[in-house]
Amino acid sequence: MYTGSPGPPGSSGDIALVQLASPVALSSQVQPVCLPEASADFYPGMQCWVTGWGYTGEGEPLKPPYNLQEARVSVVDVKTCSQAYNSPNGSLIQPDMLCARGPGDACQDDSGGPLVCQVAGTWQQAGVVSWGEGCGRPDRPGVYARVTAYVNWIHHHIPESGGLGMQGLPWAPLLAALFWPSLFLLLVSGVLMAKYWLSSPSYPASEL
């Protein structure tokens, strides 16, 4: 984990890395997503996707057969998001956070899941599901850990030989939380805070 333990919403450092005990076999349906450059710009209005197995709405857990869900969201500018999460002590939105809203959204139990955007034909991980107020509320964007803020930290902890998309390397999928079915989400926020402090962002569901 980047920090010792997750704090309340508005805390920075809500990200962690997980090393697999065994390699993942990559295939046409199982692929890692790329890490962005630290200078990458996921601009307001950019269309992205969030995926997970969490709630499909506030108070609505995912029902069997528990298929992986997805939702298209748009990046929200910092000023709008900061106003949405203003507090007596100032905005809860920190420089290492990125906001996005739907109509779809992430929700409870989606924490740690990937927010991915297509850049020049390549899928890159822009964020990690972190926290939010409710699920899919129009005036409450979902808040994500901004991956570009942690790219150097990630490279520091991952062997350079890990390589993108190379089969048989436990670290390879760590290059972003894989967003295809049957895999764990590997780039995770150390965040259960969305469950204990706020109702996490809305849940990624295809039909939301």
Protein backbone atom coordinates (compact mmCIF):
# COMPACT_ATOMS: atom_id res chain seq x y z
CA MET A 1 0.00 0.00 0.00
CA TYR A 2 1.14 3.51 -0.70
CA THR A 3 0.14 4.54 2.82
CA GLY A 4 -0.07 2.44 5.96
CA SER A 5 -3.86 2.34 6.11
CA PRO A 6 -6.76 3.95 4.23
CA GLY A 7 -8.11 7.18 5.65
CA PRO A 8 -11.47 8.89 5.31
CA PRO A 9 -12.65 10.30 1.96
CA GLY A 10 -10.35 13.09 0.89
CA SER A 11 -7.22 11.23 1.99
CA SER A 12 -4.42 10.88 -0.54
CA GLY A 13 -2.48 7.72 -1.28
CA ASP A 14 -5.50 5.46 -1.81
CA ILE A 15 -3.74 2.88 -3.93
CA ALA A 16 -1.91 -0.44 -3.48
CA LEU A 17 -0.14 -3.06 -5.56
CA VAL A 18 -0.77 -6.79 -5.45
CA GLN A 19 1.71 -9.41 -6.65
CA LEU A 20 0.17 -12.65 -7.86
CA ALA A 21 1.29 -15.97 -6.42
CA SER A 22 1.23 -17.52 -9.90
CA PRO A 23 1.31 -16.24 -13.49
CA VAL A 24 -1.80 -15.34 -15.46
CA ALA A 25 -2.24 -16.94 -18.88
CA LEU A 26 -2.99 -14.15 -21.31
CA SER A 27 -5.31 -14.78 -24.25
CA SER A 28 -7.50 -12.95 -26.75
CA GLN A 29 -9.97 -12.30 -23.92
CA VAL A 30 -7.51 -11.79 -21.08
CA GLN A 31 -5.14 -8.87 -21.55
CA PRO A 32 -3.43 -6.32 -19.30
CA VAL A 33 -4.23 -2.65 -19.72
CA CYS A 34 -1.36 -0.19 -20.13
CA LEU A 35 -0.01 2.21 -17.56
CA PRO A 36 -0.21 5.82 -18.74
CA GLU A 37 2.76 8.14 -18.83
CA ALA A 38 3.02 10.39 -15.79
CA SER A 39 2.30 13.31 -18.12
CA ALA A 40 -0.82 11.75 -19.67
CA ASP A 41 -3.88 13.99 -19.78
CA PHE A 42 -7.28 12.45 -19.18
CA TYR A 43 -9.18 15.60 -20.03
CA PRO A 44 -12.68 16.64 -18.88
CA GLY A 45 -15.35 15.02 -21.02
CA MET A 46 -13.12 12.12 -22.06
CA GLN A 47 -15.11 8.88 -22.34
CA CYS A 48 -13.83 6.04 -20.15
CA TRP A 49 -15.08 2.75 -18.72
CA VAL A 50 -15.26 1.43 -15.16
CA THR A 51 -15.77 -2.26 -14.41
CA GLY A 52 -16.43 -4.42 -11.38
CA TRP A 53 -18.55 -6.95 -9.53
CA GLY A 54 -19.99 -4.50 -7.00
CA TYR A 55 -23.50 -3.21 -6.39
CA THR A 56 -25.57 -2.29 -9.47
CA GLY A 57 -27.13 0.62 -7.58
CA GLU A 58 -27.52 1.96 -4.06
CA GLY A 59 -28.69 -0.94 -1.89
CA GLU A 60 -28.72 -3.31 -4.90
CA PRO A 61 -26.03 -6.02 -4.76
CA LEU A 62 -25.06 -7.82 -7.95
CA LYS A 63 -27.28 -10.86 -8.58
CA PRO A 64 -26.25 -14.29 -9.88
CA PRO A 65 -24.60 -15.32 -12.14
CA TYR A 66 -22.38 -12.40 -10.98
CA ASN A 67 -21.18 -11.33 -14.42
CA LEU A 68 -18.56 -8.63 -14.63
CA GLN A 69 -20.30 -5.28 -15.14
CA GLU A 70 -19.17 -2.18 -17.01
CA ALA A 71 -20.30 1.43 -17.29
CA ARG A 72 -19.26 4.29 -19.51
CA VAL A 73 -18.39 7.47 -17.66
CA SER A 74 -16.95 10.88 -18.54
CA VAL A 75 -14.04 12.57 -16.81
CA VAL A 76 -15.17 15.56 -14.72
CA ASP A 77 -13.08 18.72 -14.38
CA VAL A 78 -11.41 19.36 -11.03
CA LYS A 79 -13.36 22.54 -10.28
CA THR A 80 -16.77 20.87 -10.71
CA CYS A 81 -15.75 17.86 -8.64
CA SER A 82 -14.23 20.03 -5.91
CA GLN A 83 -17.49 21.97 -5.63
CA ALA A 84 -19.46 18.72 -5.40
CA TYR A 85 -17.33 17.57 -2.47
CA ASN A 86 -16.78 20.83 -0.65
CA SER A 87 -16.57 20.81 3.15
CA PRO A 88 -16.09 23.38 5.93
CA ASN A 89 -12.36 22.65 5.72
CA GLY A 90 -12.23 22.97 1.94
CA SER A 91 -12.65 20.50 -0.90
CA LEU A 92 -12.07 16.80 -0.28
CA ILE A 93 -10.65 16.43 -3.79
CA GLN A 94 -6.86 16.18 -3.77
CA PRO A 95 -4.35 16.47 -6.66
CA ASP A 96 -3.96 12.68 -6.80
CA MET A 97 -7.69 12.17 -7.43
CA LEU A 98 -9.67 12.04 -10.65
CA CYS A 99 -13.46 12.31 -10.96
CA ALA A 100 -15.87 10.80 -13.48
CA ARG A 101 -19.63 10.37 -13.78
CA GLY A 102 -22.09 8.49 -15.93
CA PRO A 103 -25.15 7.97 -15.95
CA GLY A 104 -23.29 4.78 -14.98
CA ASP A 105 -20.92 4.71 -12.03
CA ALA A 106 -18.99 2.47 -9.67
CA CYS A 107 -20.62 1.48 -6.38
CA GLN A 108 -20.13 -0.40 -3.13
CA ASP A 109 -17.70 -3.34 -3.51
CA ASP A 110 -16.20 -1.89 -6.70
CA SER A 111 -13.38 -0.22 -4.76
CA GLY A 112 -10.01 -1.06 -6.30
CA GLY A 113 -11.45 -1.60 -9.77
CA PRO A 114 -10.07 0.02 -12.92
CA LEU A 115 -11.12 3.15 -14.77
CA VAL A 116 -9.77 2.73 -18.31
CA CYS A 117 -9.70 5.11 -21.27
CA GLN A 118 -8.71 4.54 -24.87
CA VAL A 119 -5.86 6.79 -25.97
CA ALA A 120 -4.71 6.62 -29.60
CA GLY A 121 -6.09 3.09 -29.87
CA THR A 122 -4.50 1.87 -26.64
CA TRP A 123 -6.38 1.16 -23.42
CA GLN A 124 -4.77 2.93 -20.48
CA GLN A 125 -5.70 2.90 -16.82
CA ALA A 126 -6.59 6.41 -15.72
CA GLY A 127 -7.91 5.65 -12.26
CA VAL A 128 -8.68 3.20 -9.48
CA VAL A 129 -12.15 3.20 -7.91
CA SER A 130 -11.77 4.96 -4.57
CA TRP A 131 -14.81 6.66 -3.05
CA GLY A 132 -17.88 8.78 -3.66
CA GLU A 133 -21.24 9.72 -2.20
CA GLY A 134 -23.96 7.34 -3.27
CA CYS A 135 -23.98 5.59 -6.62
CA GLY A 136 -24.68 7.37 -9.87
CA ARG A 137 -26.00 10.57 -8.30
CA PRO A 138 -25.91 13.35 -10.93
CA ASP A 139 -24.33 15.87 -8.55
CA ARG A 140 -21.84 13.45 -6.98
CA PRO A 141 -19.16 12.15 -9.38
CA GLY A 142 -17.26 8.99 -8.58
CA VAL A 143 -13.77 9.66 -7.22
CA TYR A 144 -10.77 7.63 -8.35
CA ALA A 145 -7.10 7.47 -7.41
CA ARG A 146 -5.33 9.21 -10.32
CA VAL A 147 -2.89 6.64 -11.72
CA THR A 148 -0.62 9.24 -13.34
CA ALA A 149 0.20 10.54 -9.85
CA TYR A 150 1.61 7.13 -8.93
CA VAL A 151 3.30 5.92 -12.11
CA ASN A 152 6.81 6.56 -10.76
CA TRP A 153 5.94 4.83 -7.49
CA ILE A 154 4.55 1.85 -9.42
CA HIS A 155 7.68 1.57 -11.57
CA HIS A 156 9.79 1.74 -8.42
CA HIS A 157 8.11 -1.38 -7.04
CA ILE A 158 7.73 -3.41 -10.23
CA PRO A 159 10.75 -5.14 -11.79
CA GLU A 160 11.51 -3.61 -15.18
CA SER A 161 11.54 -7.10 -16.67
CA GLY A 162 7.82 -7.41 -15.91
CA GLY A 163 7.01 -6.21 -19.40
CA LEU A 164 3.63 -5.43 -20.89
CA GLY A 165 1.48 -8.28 -21.98
CA MET A 166 4.12 -10.99 -21.49
CA GLN A 167 2.73 -14.35 -20.46
CA GLY A 168 3.98 -16.13 -17.38
CA LEU A 169 5.11 -13.07 -15.40
CA PRO A 170 3.34 -12.52 -12.07
CA TRP A 171 3.89 -8.75 -12.29
CA ALA A 172 2.63 -8.28 -15.84
CA PRO A 173 -1.07 -7.93 -15.02
CA LEU A 174 -0.19 -5.37 -12.38
CA LEU A 175 0.25 -2.79 -15.13
CA ALA A 176 -3.35 -1.98 -14.44
CA ALA A 177 -6.25 -3.75 -12.92
CA LEU A 178 -7.27 -6.20 -15.59
CA PHE A 179 -10.75 -5.47 -16.76
CA TRP A 180 -11.71 -8.77 -18.36
CA PRO A 181 -13.75 -11.47 -16.59
CA SER A 182 -12.15 -14.21 -14.51
CA LEU A 183 -9.26 -12.10 -13.20
CA PHE A 184 -8.68 -10.27 -9.98
CA LEU A 185 -8.44 -6.52 -10.18
CA LEU A 186 -4.76 -6.15 -9.53
CA LEU A 187 -4.15 -2.48 -9.11
CA VAL A 188 -6.26 -1.90 -6.02
CA SER A 189 -7.07 0.98 -3.79
CA GLY A 190 -6.49 0.19 -0.18
CA VAL A 191 -9.93 1.50 0.33
CA LEU A 192 -12.71 0.07 2.17
CA MET A 193 -13.41 3.59 3.22
CA ALA A 194 -16.14 3.92 0.68
CA LYS A 195 -17.99 1.26 2.61
CA TYR A 196 -17.49 2.76 6.00
CA TRP A 197 -17.54 6.49 5.40
CA LEU A 198 -19.71 7.05 2.32
CA SER A 199 -21.73 4.84 0.03
CA SER A 200 -19.04 4.10 -2.55
CA PRO A 201 -19.32 5.43 -6.11
CA SER A 202 -21.96 3.88 -8.23
CA TYR A 203 -21.65 0.40 -9.53
CA PRO A 204 -20.50 -0.29 -13.03
CA ALA A 205 -23.36 -1.98 -14.84
CA SER A 206 -23.73 -2.22 -18.57
CA GLU A 207 -27.36 -1.27 -18.47
CA LEU A 208 -27.14 1.54 -15.92
